[in-house]
């Protein structure tokens, strides 16, 4: 998929992207937004309520995501609040935020699903969310050709450092070949 096709897929699945984001987002950024759209679809399919926001209170009229790794508490970027009818737990889905790993060193999560209590702690204290509040994360790599073995070795360290078994690497080619819904690497 090219940038135009990914933009259309994100807007069809989520909502309209802010014009500035459309202009500055690289294909790899749009790929991450496509993964976020799948996360939202999965939450809806599980009965979740979805709320697009930049401040936790007001709906976001247009979607604007990070194009570079950043701090959860900095910037007016869209994130998604996910709640479920029979659960007191509320989650937030973010693109391109740092999460403190086991050693305390921040690691970028291309797509991060974070407990809202931890996200609020992060915003209030101006600190990275802790790995204990990370429900799931996705590391997305947008490659036109197959990546080398060094890339795979580098990516394999994140689940260990995050302390999470549910961290997945989703290379673009295989993911899109399976129609957005299947990724062998995530099994």
Protein backbone atom coordinates (compact mmCIF):
# COMPACT_ATOMS: atom_id res chain seq x y z
CA UNK A 1 0.00 0.00 0.00
CA UNK A 2 1.20 3.49 -0.73
CA UNK A 3 0.63 6.59 1.42
CA UNK A 4 -2.58 7.56 -0.37
CA UNK A 5 -4.07 4.09 0.09
CA UNK A 6 -3.07 3.95 3.76
CA UNK A 7 -4.53 7.43 4.36
CA UNK A 8 -7.81 6.28 2.82
CA UNK A 9 -7.79 3.09 4.92
CA UNK A 10 -7.21 5.03 8.16
CA UNK A 11 -9.90 7.58 7.37
CA UNK A 12 -12.37 4.86 6.44
CA UNK A 13 -11.68 2.93 9.65
CA UNK A 14 -11.28 5.79 12.14
CA UNK A 15 -12.07 9.34 11.04
CA UNK A 16 -10.70 12.22 8.99
CA UNK A 17 -7.02 13.01 9.42
CA UNK A 18 -5.95 16.58 10.09
CA UNK A 19 -4.58 18.17 6.88
CA UNK A 20 -1.21 18.99 8.52
CA UNK A 21 -0.79 15.34 9.57
CA UNK A 22 -1.64 14.20 6.05
CA UNK A 23 1.14 16.43 4.73
CA UNK A 24 3.89 15.42 7.15
CA UNK A 25 3.12 11.74 7.80
CA UNK A 26 5.52 9.30 6.14
CA UNK A 27 4.33 5.88 4.95
CA UNK A 28 5.71 4.35 8.14
CA UNK A 29 3.57 6.76 10.22
CA UNK A 30 0.48 5.88 8.21
CA UNK A 31 1.25 2.18 8.64
CA UNK A 32 1.25 2.68 12.41
CA UNK A 33 -2.10 4.49 12.09
CA UNK A 34 -3.42 1.48 10.14
CA UNK A 35 -2.39 -0.77 13.03
CA UNK A 36 -4.16 1.57 15.44
CA UNK A 37 -7.28 1.26 13.28
CA UNK A 38 -7.13 -2.51 13.67
CA UNK A 39 -6.76 -2.16 17.44
CA UNK A 40 -9.87 0.07 17.46
CA UNK A 41 -11.77 -2.44 15.32
CA UNK A 42 -10.81 -5.26 17.70
CA UNK A 43 -11.95 -3.21 20.71
CA UNK A 44 -15.28 -2.45 19.04
CA UNK A 45 -15.72 -6.11 18.11
CA UNK A 46 -15.18 -6.97 21.79
CA UNK A 47 -17.93 -4.54 22.81
CA UNK A 48 -15.68 -1.61 23.64
CA UNK A 49 -16.67 2.04 23.51
CA UNK A 50 -14.26 4.24 21.58
CA UNK A 51 -13.57 7.94 22.19
CA UNK A 52 -11.10 9.97 20.10
CA UNK A 53 -9.62 12.86 22.09
CA UNK A 54 -6.59 15.08 22.62
CA UNK A 55 -7.37 16.00 26.22
CA UNK A 56 -9.44 13.13 27.65
CA UNK A 57 -12.57 15.28 27.84
CA UNK A 58 -13.45 16.66 24.41
CA UNK A 59 -13.86 14.71 21.19
CA UNK A 60 -11.13 15.25 18.61
CA UNK A 61 -12.73 16.77 15.48
CA UNK A 62 -9.84 15.62 13.26
CA UNK A 63 -7.15 13.03 13.95
CA UNK A 64 -3.54 14.12 14.44
CA UNK A 65 -0.94 11.52 15.39
CA UNK A 66 2.75 11.75 16.18
CA UNK A 67 5.18 11.49 13.28
CA UNK A 68 8.15 11.03 15.63
CA UNK A 69 8.56 9.27 18.97
CA UNK A 70 7.43 11.46 21.82
CA UNK A 71 6.41 11.86 25.40
CA UNK A 72 2.83 10.92 26.19
CA UNK A 73 2.27 14.15 28.12
CA UNK A 74 3.59 16.54 25.43
CA UNK A 75 1.63 17.81 22.45
CA UNK A 76 -1.94 17.90 21.22
CA UNK A 77 -2.04 14.49 19.62
CA UNK A 78 -5.07 12.28 19.21
CA UNK A 79 -5.31 9.22 21.39
CA UNK A 80 -8.14 6.79 21.83
CA UNK A 81 -9.91 6.02 25.09
CA UNK A 82 -11.31 2.49 25.19
CA UNK A 83 -13.80 1.33 27.81
CA UNK A 84 -15.87 -1.81 28.19
CA UNK A 85 -19.36 -2.03 29.72
CA UNK A 86 -18.57 -4.67 32.36
CA UNK A 87 -15.10 -3.49 33.33
CA UNK A 88 -13.94 -0.61 35.50
CA UNK A 89 -10.61 -0.57 33.64
CA UNK A 90 -10.22 2.12 31.00
CA UNK A 91 -7.46 1.95 28.41
CA UNK A 92 -5.76 4.45 26.13
CA UNK A 93 -4.29 3.70 22.70
CA UNK A 94 -1.39 5.93 21.64
CA UNK A 95 0.94 6.13 18.65
CA UNK A 96 4.67 6.77 19.03
CA UNK A 97 5.03 7.20 22.78
CA UNK A 98 7.89 6.21 25.05
CA UNK A 99 7.34 3.68 27.84
CA UNK A 100 9.90 3.01 30.57
CA UNK A 101 11.23 -0.55 30.26
CA UNK A 102 12.42 -2.92 32.98
CA UNK A 103 15.65 -0.95 33.44
CA UNK A 104 13.81 2.39 33.42
CA UNK A 105 15.20 3.25 29.99
CA UNK A 106 12.46 4.64 27.71
CA UNK A 107 11.52 2.59 24.66
CA UNK A 108 9.33 3.80 21.82
CA UNK A 109 6.08 1.93 21.34
CA UNK A 110 4.75 2.43 17.83
CA UNK A 111 1.30 1.45 19.08
CA UNK A 112 0.77 1.34 22.85
CA UNK A 113 -2.28 0.25 24.78
CA UNK A 114 -1.88 1.71 28.27
CA UNK A 115 -4.01 1.53 31.40
CA UNK A 116 -5.59 4.98 31.78
CA UNK A 117 -4.49 5.25 35.42
CA UNK A 118 -0.88 4.91 34.27
CA UNK A 119 -1.41 7.36 31.39
CA UNK A 120 -2.87 9.90 33.82
CA UNK A 121 0.10 9.38 36.16
CA UNK A 122 2.41 10.00 33.21
CA UNK A 123 0.65 13.23 32.24
CA UNK A 124 0.42 14.52 35.83
CA UNK A 125 4.07 13.82 36.64
CA UNK A 126 5.63 14.50 33.25
CA UNK A 127 7.16 11.01 33.30
CA UNK A 128 7.09 8.08 30.91
CA UNK A 129 4.43 5.45 31.56
CA UNK A 130 5.84 2.44 33.37
CA UNK A 131 5.85 -0.95 31.72
CA UNK A 132 3.51 -2.22 34.44
CA UNK A 133 0.78 -0.02 32.94
CA UNK A 134 1.44 -1.19 29.39
CA UNK A 135 -1.29 -3.63 28.39
CA UNK A 136 0.08 -4.32 24.90
CA UNK A 137 2.46 -2.81 22.38
CA UNK A 138 3.20 -3.19 18.69
CA UNK A 139 6.50 -2.51 16.98
CA UNK A 140 5.76 -1.69 13.36
CA UNK A 141 8.34 -1.65 10.59
CA UNK A 142 7.37 -0.50 7.13
CA UNK A 143 9.76 -2.21 4.73
CA UNK A 144 9.29 -2.55 1.01
CA UNK A 145 11.78 -5.42 0.91
CA UNK A 146 12.52 -8.04 3.55
CA UNK A 147 14.56 -6.58 6.43
CA UNK A 148 17.94 -8.03 7.30
CA UNK A 149 18.60 -10.33 10.24
CA UNK A 150 20.05 -7.45 12.28
CA UNK A 151 16.66 -5.76 12.32
CA UNK A 152 15.00 -8.90 13.64
CA UNK A 153 17.62 -9.32 16.34
CA UNK A 154 17.20 -5.72 17.42
CA UNK A 155 13.43 -6.04 17.60
CA UNK A 156 13.56 -9.24 19.60
CA UNK A 157 14.94 -7.33 22.61
CA UNK A 158 11.82 -5.17 23.16
CA UNK A 159 9.51 -7.85 24.64
CA UNK A 160 12.25 -8.71 27.17
CA UNK A 161 12.97 -5.11 28.04
CA UNK A 162 9.28 -4.23 28.29
CA UNK A 163 8.64 -7.24 30.49
CA UNK A 164 5.68 -8.11 28.26
CA UNK A 165 5.02 -11.26 26.30
CA UNK A 166 2.31 -9.56 24.28
CA UNK A 167 4.62 -7.26 22.33
CA UNK A 168 4.54 -8.05 18.63
CA UNK A 169 6.52 -7.11 15.54
CA UNK A 170 4.35 -6.54 12.48
CA UNK A 171 6.32 -6.15 9.25
CA UNK A 172 4.29 -4.33 6.62
CA UNK A 173 4.50 -6.70 3.66
CA UNK A 174 3.19 -9.83 5.38
CA UNK A 175 0.59 -7.90 7.34
CA UNK A 176 -1.05 -6.29 4.33
CA UNK A 177 -0.83 -9.48 2.28
CA UNK A 178 -3.14 -11.09 4.84
CA UNK A 179 -5.80 -8.40 4.58
CA UNK A 180 -5.14 -6.51 7.85
CA UNK A 181 -6.36 -9.37 9.98
CA UNK A 182 -3.58 -11.92 10.30
CA UNK A 183 0.04 -11.61 11.21
CA UNK A 184 2.08 -14.81 11.74
CA UNK A 185 4.66 -12.95 13.83
CA UNK A 186 2.05 -11.97 16.43
CA UNK A 187 0.91 -15.57 17.06
